[in-house]
Amino acid sequence: TTVVVVTWRGAGHLTACLDALAAQNRPHRT
């Protein structure tokens, strides 16, 4: 899987999303 995250002026909340993706227990591309 490639997980696609679309952002626009997301600096206030994007880190939490990326942290949660980094904690996934299945390998993937982001």
Full PDB file with SEQRES, HELIX, SHEET, SSBOND, CRYST1, ORIGX, SCALE, CONECT and MASTER records, all heavy atoms in Angstrom:
SEQRES   1 A   30  THR THR VAL VAL VAL VAL THR TRP ARG GLY ALA GLY HIS          
SEQRES   2 A   30  LEU THR ALA CYS LEU ASP ALA LEU ALA ALA GLN ASN ARG          
SEQRES   3 A   30  PRO HIS ARG THR                                              
HELIX    1 AA1 LEU A   14  ALA A   22  1                                   9    
CRYST1    1.000    1.000    1.000  90.00  90.00  90.00 P 1           1          
ORIGX1      1.000000  0.000000  0.000000        0.00000                         
ORIGX2      0.000000  1.000000  0.000000        0.00000                         
ORIGX3      0.000000  0.000000  1.000000        0.00000                         
SCALE1      1.000000  0.000000  0.000000        0.00000                         
SCALE2      0.000000  1.000000  0.000000        0.00000                         
SCALE3      0.000000  0.000000  1.000000        0.00000                         
ATOM      1  N   THR A   1       0.820  -1.217   0.000  1.00  0.00           N  
ATOM      2  CA  THR A   1       0.000   0.000   0.000  1.00  0.00           C  
ATOM      3  C   THR A   1       0.849   1.259   0.000  1.00  0.00           C  
ATOM      4  O   THR A   1       1.855   1.343   0.702  1.00  0.00           O  
ATOM      5  CB  THR A   1      -0.925   0.033   1.233  1.00  0.00           C  
ATOM      6  OG1 THR A   1      -1.822  -1.077   1.189  1.00  0.00           O  
ATOM      7  CG2 THR A   1      -1.734   1.324   1.313  1.00  0.00           C  
ATOM      8  N   THR A   2       0.402   2.234  -0.776  1.00  0.00           N  
ATOM      9  CA  THR A   2       0.872   3.609  -0.642  1.00  0.00           C  
ATOM     10  C   THR A   2      -0.242   4.410   0.012  1.00  0.00           C  
ATOM     11  O   THR A   2      -1.354   4.501  -0.523  1.00  0.00           O  
ATOM     12  CB  THR A   2       1.211   4.229  -2.011  1.00  0.00           C  
ATOM     13  OG1 THR A   2       2.232   3.456  -2.648  1.00  0.00           O  
ATOM     14  CG2 THR A   2       1.675   5.670  -1.856  1.00  0.00           C  
ATOM     15  N   VAL A   3       0.049   4.955   1.176  1.00  0.00           N  
ATOM     16  CA  VAL A   3      -0.921   5.814   1.861  1.00  0.00           C  
ATOM     17  C   VAL A   3      -0.715   7.240   1.362  1.00  0.00           C  
ATOM     18  O   VAL A   3       0.376   7.797   1.499  1.00  0.00           O  
ATOM     19  CB  VAL A   3      -0.753   5.754   3.388  1.00  0.00           C  
ATOM     20  CG1 VAL A   3      -1.787   6.647   4.068  1.00  0.00           C  
ATOM     21  CG2 VAL A   3      -0.872   4.326   3.897  1.00  0.00           C  
ATOM     22  N   VAL A   4      -1.765   7.805   0.775  1.00  0.00           N  
ATOM     23  CA  VAL A   4      -1.683   9.156   0.238  1.00  0.00           C  
ATOM     24  C   VAL A   4      -2.391  10.114   1.186  1.00  0.00           C  
ATOM     25  O   VAL A   4      -3.568   9.939   1.509  1.00  0.00           O  
ATOM     26  CB  VAL A   4      -2.317   9.244  -1.163  1.00  0.00           C  
ATOM     27  CG1 VAL A   4      -2.276  10.683  -1.677  1.00  0.00           C  
ATOM     28  CG2 VAL A   4      -1.585   8.316  -2.129  1.00  0.00           C  
ATOM     29  N   VAL A   5      -1.660  11.120   1.632  1.00  0.00           N  
ATOM     30  CA  VAL A   5      -2.183  12.157   2.516  1.00  0.00           C  
ATOM     31  C   VAL A   5      -2.128  13.475   1.763  1.00  0.00           C  
ATOM     32  O   VAL A   5      -1.058  13.895   1.316  1.00  0.00           O  
ATOM     33  CB  VAL A   5      -1.361  12.257   3.815  1.00  0.00           C  
ATOM     34  CG1 VAL A   5      -1.902  13.382   4.708  1.00  0.00           C  
ATOM     35  CG2 VAL A   5      -1.358  10.932   4.560  1.00  0.00           C  
ATOM     36  N   VAL A   6      -3.275  14.102   1.599  1.00  0.00           N  
ATOM     37  CA  VAL A   6      -3.335  15.412   0.945  1.00  0.00           C  
ATOM     38  C   VAL A   6      -3.390  16.479   2.018  1.00  0.00           C  
ATOM     39  O   VAL A   6      -4.172  16.383   2.973  1.00  0.00           O  
ATOM     40  CB  VAL A   6      -4.575  15.514   0.034  1.00  0.00           C  
ATOM     41  CG1 VAL A   6      -4.715  16.936  -0.519  1.00  0.00           C  
ATOM     42  CG2 VAL A   6      -4.479  14.508  -1.102  1.00  0.00           C  
ATOM     43  N   THR A   7      -2.555  17.509   1.863  1.00  0.00           N  
ATOM     44  CA  THR A   7      -2.543  18.579   2.866  1.00  0.00           C  
ATOM     45  C   THR A   7      -2.535  19.933   2.195  1.00  0.00           C  
ATOM     46  O   THR A   7      -2.013  20.103   1.086  1.00  0.00           O  
ATOM     47  CB  THR A   7      -1.326  18.427   3.809  1.00  0.00           C  
ATOM     48  OG1 THR A   7      -1.482  19.300   4.927  1.00  0.00           O  
ATOM     49  CG2 THR A   7      -0.020  18.732   3.088  1.00  0.00           C  
ATOM     50  N   TRP A   8      -3.127  20.884   2.877  1.00  0.00           N  
ATOM     51  CA  TRP A   8      -3.084  22.285   2.492  1.00  0.00           C  
ATOM     52  C   TRP A   8      -3.102  23.106   3.773  1.00  0.00           C  
ATOM     53  O   TRP A   8      -4.067  23.065   4.545  1.00  0.00           O  
ATOM     54  CB  TRP A   8      -4.275  22.662   1.613  1.00  0.00           C  
ATOM     55  CG  TRP A   8      -4.303  24.127   1.256  1.00  0.00           C  
ATOM     56  CD1 TRP A   8      -3.440  24.778   0.418  1.00  0.00           C  
ATOM     57  CD2 TRP A   8      -5.229  25.114   1.734  1.00  0.00           C  
ATOM     58  NE1 TRP A   8      -3.760  26.113   0.334  1.00  0.00           N  
ATOM     59  CE2 TRP A   8      -4.861  26.348   1.129  1.00  0.00           C  
ATOM     60  CE3 TRP A   8      -6.321  25.078   2.582  1.00  0.00           C  
ATOM     61  CZ2 TRP A   8      -5.562  27.529   1.378  1.00  0.00           C  
ATOM     62  CZ3 TRP A   8      -7.008  26.258   2.833  1.00  0.00           C  
ATOM     63  CH2 TRP A   8      -6.641  27.469   2.235  1.00  0.00           C  
ATOM     64  N   ARG A   9      -2.002  23.768   4.032  1.00  0.00           N  
ATOM     65  CA  ARG A   9      -1.864  24.540   5.270  1.00  0.00           C  
ATOM     66  C   ARG A   9      -2.191  23.655   6.490  1.00  0.00           C  
ATOM     67  O   ARG A   9      -2.945  24.058   7.380  1.00  0.00           O  
ATOM     68  CB  ARG A   9      -2.759  25.775   5.247  1.00  0.00           C  
ATOM     69  CG  ARG A   9      -2.401  26.753   4.135  1.00  0.00           C  
ATOM     70  CD  ARG A   9      -3.323  27.947   4.102  1.00  0.00           C  
ATOM     71  NE  ARG A   9      -2.947  28.875   3.037  1.00  0.00           N  
ATOM     72  CZ  ARG A   9      -3.677  29.938   2.686  1.00  0.00           C  
ATOM     73  NH1 ARG A   9      -4.798  30.213   3.329  1.00  0.00           N  
ATOM     74  NH2 ARG A   9      -3.276  30.723   1.708  1.00  0.00           N  
ATOM     75  N   GLY A  10      -1.588  22.477   6.495  1.00  0.00           N  
ATOM     76  CA  GLY A  10      -1.885  21.507   7.544  1.00  0.00           C  
ATOM     77  C   GLY A  10      -0.861  21.446   8.650  1.00  0.00           C  
ATOM     78  O   GLY A  10      -0.836  20.467   9.406  1.00  0.00           O  
ATOM     79  N   ALA A  11      -0.005  22.447   8.785  1.00  0.00           N  
ATOM     80  CA  ALA A  11       1.082  22.382   9.754  1.00  0.00           C  
ATOM     81  C   ALA A  11       0.590  22.176  11.180  1.00  0.00           C  
ATOM     82  O   ALA A  11       1.287  21.587  12.006  1.00  0.00           O  
ATOM     83  CB  ALA A  11       1.934  23.653   9.674  1.00  0.00           C  
ATOM     84  N   GLY A  12      -0.640  22.613  11.467  1.00  0.00           N  
ATOM     85  CA  GLY A  12      -1.145  22.500  12.825  1.00  0.00           C  
ATOM     86  C   GLY A  12      -1.601  21.114  13.229  1.00  0.00           C  
ATOM     87  O   GLY A  12      -1.750  20.842  14.423  1.00  0.00           O  
ATOM     88  N   HIS A  13      -1.818  20.235  12.254  1.00  0.00           N  
ATOM     89  CA  HIS A  13      -2.315  18.898  12.585  1.00  0.00           C  
ATOM     90  C   HIS A  13      -1.635  17.770  11.813  1.00  0.00           C  
ATOM     91  O   HIS A  13      -1.849  16.603  12.116  1.00  0.00           O  
ATOM     92  CB  HIS A  13      -3.833  18.819  12.336  1.00  0.00           C  
ATOM     93  CG  HIS A  13      -4.245  19.348  10.987  1.00  0.00           C  
ATOM     94  ND1 HIS A  13      -4.723  20.624  10.800  1.00  0.00           N  
ATOM     95  CD2 HIS A  13      -4.236  18.778   9.762  1.00  0.00           C  
ATOM     96  CE1 HIS A  13      -5.000  20.822   9.523  1.00  0.00           C  
ATOM     97  NE2 HIS A  13      -4.703  19.712   8.871  1.00  0.00           N  
ATOM     98  N   LEU A  14      -0.821  18.089  10.849  1.00  0.00           N  
ATOM     99  CA  LEU A  14      -0.220  17.064   9.996  1.00  0.00           C  
ATOM    100  C   LEU A  14       0.739  16.147  10.754  1.00  0.00           C  
ATOM    101  O   LEU A  14       0.826  14.946  10.465  1.00  0.00           O  
ATOM    102  CB  LEU A  14       0.493  17.725   8.814  1.00  0.00           C  
ATOM    103  CG  LEU A  14       1.155  16.820   7.786  1.00  0.00           C  
ATOM    104  CD1 LEU A  14       0.157  15.845   7.171  1.00  0.00           C  
ATOM    105  CD2 LEU A  14       1.797  17.664   6.686  1.00  0.00           C  
ATOM    106  N   THR A  15       1.453  16.678  11.742  1.00  0.00           N  
ATOM    107  CA  THR A  15       2.412  15.864  12.482  1.00  0.00           C  
ATOM    108  C   THR A  15       1.722  14.682  13.163  1.00  0.00           C  
ATOM    109  O   THR A  15       2.245  13.558  13.157  1.00  0.00           O  
ATOM    110  CB  THR A  15       3.154  16.717  13.528  1.00  0.00           C  
ATOM    111  OG1 THR A  15       3.939  17.705  12.847  1.00  0.00           O  
ATOM    112  CG2 THR A  15       4.086  15.849  14.371  1.00  0.00           C  
ATOM    113  N   ALA A  16       0.553  14.908  13.746  1.00  0.00           N  
ATOM    114  CA  ALA A  16      -0.178  13.828  14.418  1.00  0.00           C  
ATOM    115  C   ALA A  16      -0.554  12.732  13.425  1.00  0.00           C  
ATOM    116  O   ALA A  16      -0.495  11.535  13.748  1.00  0.00           O  
ATOM    117  CB  ALA A  16      -1.420  14.379  15.107  1.00  0.00           C  
ATOM    118  N   CYS A  17      -0.923  13.116  12.211  1.00  0.00           N  
ATOM    119  CA  CYS A  17      -1.254  12.134  11.174  1.00  0.00           C  
ATOM    120  C   CYS A  17      -0.024  11.315  10.799  1.00  0.00           C  
ATOM    121  O   CYS A  17      -0.078  10.081  10.724  1.00  0.00           O  
ATOM    122  CB  CYS A  17      -1.811  12.861   9.952  1.00  0.00           C  
ATOM    123  SG  CYS A  17      -2.154  11.793   8.530  1.00  0.00           S  
ATOM    124  N   LEU A  18       1.096  11.981  10.573  1.00  0.00           N  
ATOM    125  CA  LEU A  18       2.316  11.277  10.180  1.00  0.00           C  
ATOM    126  C   LEU A  18       2.826  10.380  11.309  1.00  0.00           C  
ATOM    127  O   LEU A  18       3.330   9.277  11.055  1.00  0.00           O  
ATOM    128  CB  LEU A  18       3.389  12.289   9.780  1.00  0.00           C  
ATOM    129  CG  LEU A  18       3.099  13.111   8.522  1.00  0.00           C  
ATOM    130  CD1 LEU A  18       4.206  14.123   8.286  1.00  0.00           C  
ATOM    131  CD2 LEU A  18       2.919  12.209   7.302  1.00  0.00           C  
ATOM    132  N   ASP A  19       2.700  10.850  12.550  1.00  0.00           N  
ATOM    133  CA  ASP A  19       3.104  10.016  13.686  1.00  0.00           C  
ATOM    134  C   ASP A  19       2.270   8.733  13.736  1.00  0.00           C  
ATOM    135  O   ASP A  19       2.795   7.640  13.999  1.00  0.00           O  
ATOM    136  CB  ASP A  19       2.941  10.779  14.997  1.00  0.00           C  
ATOM    137  CG  ASP A  19       3.970  11.889  15.168  1.00  0.00           C  
ATOM    138  OD1 ASP A  19       4.957  11.919  14.399  1.00  0.00           O  
ATOM    139  OD2 ASP A  19       3.773  12.728  16.071  1.00  0.00           O  
ATOM    140  N   ALA A  20       0.967   8.867  13.493  1.00  0.00           N  
ATOM    141  CA  ALA A  20       0.086   7.697  13.513  1.00  0.00           C  
ATOM    142  C   ALA A  20       0.411   6.736  12.372  1.00  0.00           C  
ATOM    143  O   ALA A  20       0.347   5.509  12.537  1.00  0.00           O  
ATOM    144  CB  ALA A  20      -1.373   8.139  13.439  1.00  0.00           C  
ATOM    145  N   LEU A  21       0.780   7.268  11.230  1.00  0.00           N  
ATOM    146  CA  LEU A  21       1.181   6.398  10.118  1.00  0.00           C  
ATOM    147  C   LEU A  21       2.497   5.690  10.438  1.00  0.00           C  
ATOM    148  O   LEU A  21       2.674   4.511  10.103  1.00  0.00           O  
ATOM    149  CB  LEU A  21       1.311   7.206   8.829  1.00  0.00           C  
ATOM    150  CG  LEU A  21       0.000   7.577   8.142  1.00  0.00           C  
ATOM    151  CD1 LEU A  21       0.257   8.453   6.924  1.00  0.00           C  
ATOM    152  CD2 LEU A  21      -0.771   6.316   7.730  1.00  0.00           C  
ATOM    153  N   ALA A  22       3.418   6.396  11.068  1.00  0.00           N  
ATOM    154  CA  ALA A  22       4.697   5.782  11.432  1.00  0.00           C  
ATOM    155  C   ALA A  22       4.504   4.650  12.436  1.00  0.00           C  
ATOM    156  O   ALA A  22       5.342   3.734  12.521  1.00  0.00           O  
ATOM    157  CB  ALA A  22       5.637   6.832  12.008  1.00  0.00           C  
ATOM    158  N   ALA A  23       3.398   4.676  13.186  1.00  0.00           N  
ATOM    159  CA  ALA A  23       3.133   3.653  14.197  1.00  0.00           C  
ATOM    160  C   ALA A  23       2.329   2.469  13.649  1.00  0.00           C  
ATOM    161  O   ALA A  23       2.002   1.552  14.416  1.00  0.00           O  
ATOM    162  CB  ALA A  23       2.375   4.280  15.370  1.00  0.00           C  
ATOM    163  N   GLN A  24       2.035   2.466  12.357  1.00  0.00           N  
ATOM    164  CA  GLN A  24       1.284   1.350  11.787  1.00  0.00           C  
ATOM    165  C   GLN A  24       2.067   0.041  11.898  1.00  0.00           C  
ATOM    166  O   GLN A  24       3.296   0.032  11.753  1.00  0.00           O  
ATOM    167  CB  GLN A  24       0.961   1.621  10.314  1.00  0.00           C  
ATOM    168  CG  GLN A  24      -0.011   2.761  10.084  1.00  0.00           C  
ATOM    169  CD  GLN A  24      -1.375   2.489  10.668  1.00  0.00           C  
ATOM    170  OE1 GLN A  24      -2.056   1.534  10.286  1.00  0.00           O  
ATOM    171  NE2 GLN A  24      -1.780   3.330  11.617  1.00  0.00           N  
ATOM    172  N   ASN A  25       1.353  -1.052  12.125  1.00  0.00           N  
ATOM    173  CA  ASN A  25       2.020  -2.351  12.258  1.00  0.00           C  
ATOM    174  C   ASN A  25       2.095  -3.116  10.940  1.00  0.00           C  
ATOM    175  O   ASN A  25       2.423  -4.302  10.938  1.00  0.00           O  
ATOM    176  CB  ASN A  25       1.349  -3.205  13.341  1.00  0.00           C  
ATOM    177  CG  ASN A  25      -0.123  -3.475  13.052  1.00  0.00           C  
ATOM    178  OD1 ASN A  25      -0.583  -3.356  11.916  1.00  0.00           O  
ATOM    179  ND2 ASN A  25      -0.867  -3.830  14.096  1.00  0.00           N  
ATOM    180  N   ARG A  26       1.807  -2.448   9.840  1.00  0.00           N  
ATOM    181  CA  ARG A  26       1.929  -3.052   8.507  1.00  0.00           C  
ATOM    182  C   ARG A  26       2.800  -2.136   7.659  1.00  0.00           C  
ATOM    183  O   ARG A  26       2.542  -0.939   7.576  1.00  0.00           O  
ATOM    184  CB  ARG A  26       0.541  -3.218   7.886  1.00  0.00           C  
ATOM    185  CG  ARG A  26       0.497  -3.919   6.525  1.00  0.00           C  
ATOM    186  CD  ARG A  26       0.894  -5.396   6.582  1.00  0.00           C  
ATOM    187  NE  ARG A  26       0.077  -6.210   7.470  1.00  0.00           N  
ATOM    188  CZ  ARG A  26      -1.083  -6.803   7.129  1.00  0.00           C  
ATOM    189  NH1 ARG A  26      -1.579  -6.641   5.900  1.00  0.00           N  
ATOM    190  NH2 ARG A  26      -1.718  -7.575   7.996  1.00  0.00           N  
ATOM    191  N   PRO A  27       3.859  -2.668   7.022  1.00  0.00           N  
ATOM    192  CA  PRO A  27       4.714  -1.816   6.186  1.00  0.00           C  
ATOM    193  C   PRO A  27       3.922  -1.149   5.064  1.00  0.00           C  
ATOM    194  O   PRO A  27       2.966  -1.718   4.522  1.00  0.00           O  
ATOM    195  CB  PRO A  27       5.747  -2.796   5.621  1.00  0.00           C  
ATOM    196  CG  PRO A  27       5.723  -3.970   6.541  1.00  0.00           C  
ATOM    197  CD  PRO A  27       4.312  -4.076   7.043  1.00  0.00           C  
ATOM    198  N   HIS A  28       4.317   0.050   4.719  1.00  0.00           N  
ATOM    199  CA  HIS A  28       3.622   0.805   3.678  1.00  0.00           C  
ATOM    200  C   HIS A  28       4.528   1.937   3.211  1.00  0.00           C  
ATOM    201  O   HIS A  28       5.552   2.231   3.831  1.00  0.00           O  
ATOM    202  CB  HIS A  28       2.311   1.387   4.215  1.00  0.00           C  
ATOM    203  CG  HIS A  28       2.515   2.370   5.326  1.00  0.00           C  
ATOM    204  ND1 HIS A  28       2.751   1.991   6.621  1.00  0.00           N  
ATOM    205  CD2 HIS A  28       2.562   3.742   5.324  1.00  0.00           C  
ATOM    206  CE1 HIS A  28       2.914   3.053   7.378  1.00  0.00           C  
ATOM    207  NE2 HIS A  28       2.823   4.123   6.622  1.00  0.00           N  
ATOM    208  N   ARG A  29       4.150   2.552   2.122  1.00  0.00           N  
ATOM    209  CA  ARG A  29       4.773   3.787   1.675  1.00  0.00           C  
ATOM    210  C   ARG A  29       3.836   4.942   1.996  1.00  0.00           C  
ATOM    211  O   ARG A  29       2.616   4.785   1.966  1.00  0.00           O  
ATOM    212  CB  ARG A  29       5.039   3.741   0.162  1.00  0.00           C  
ATOM    213  CG  ARG A  29       5.975   2.619  -0.268  1.00  0.00           C  
ATOM    214  CD  ARG A  29       6.067   2.531  -1.773  1.00  0.00           C  
ATOM    215  NE  ARG A  29       6.893   1.399  -2.190  1.00  0.00           N  
ATOM    216  CZ  ARG A  29       6.996   0.971  -3.448  1.00  0.00           C  
ATOM    217  NH1 ARG A  29       6.331   1.584  -4.420  1.00  0.00           N  
ATOM    218  NH2 ARG A  29       7.778  -0.063  -3.735  1.00  0.00           N  
ATOM    219  N   THR A  30       4.415   6.084   2.295  1.00  0.00           N  
ATOM    220  CA  THR A  30       3.615   7.274   2.563  1.00  0.00           C  
ATOM    221  C   THR A  30       3.969   8.345   1.545  1.00  0.00           C  
ATOM    222  O   THR A  30       5.144   8.661   1.342  1.00  0.00           O  
ATOM    223  CB  THR A  30       3.868   7.819   3.978  1.00  0.00           C  
ATOM    224  OG1 THR A  30       3.494   6.832   4.946  1.00  0.00           O  
ATOM    225  CG2 THR A  30       3.050   9.078   4.226  1.00  0.00           C  
TER     226      THR A  30                                                      
MASTER        0    0    0    1    0    0    0    6  225    1    0    3          
END                                                                             
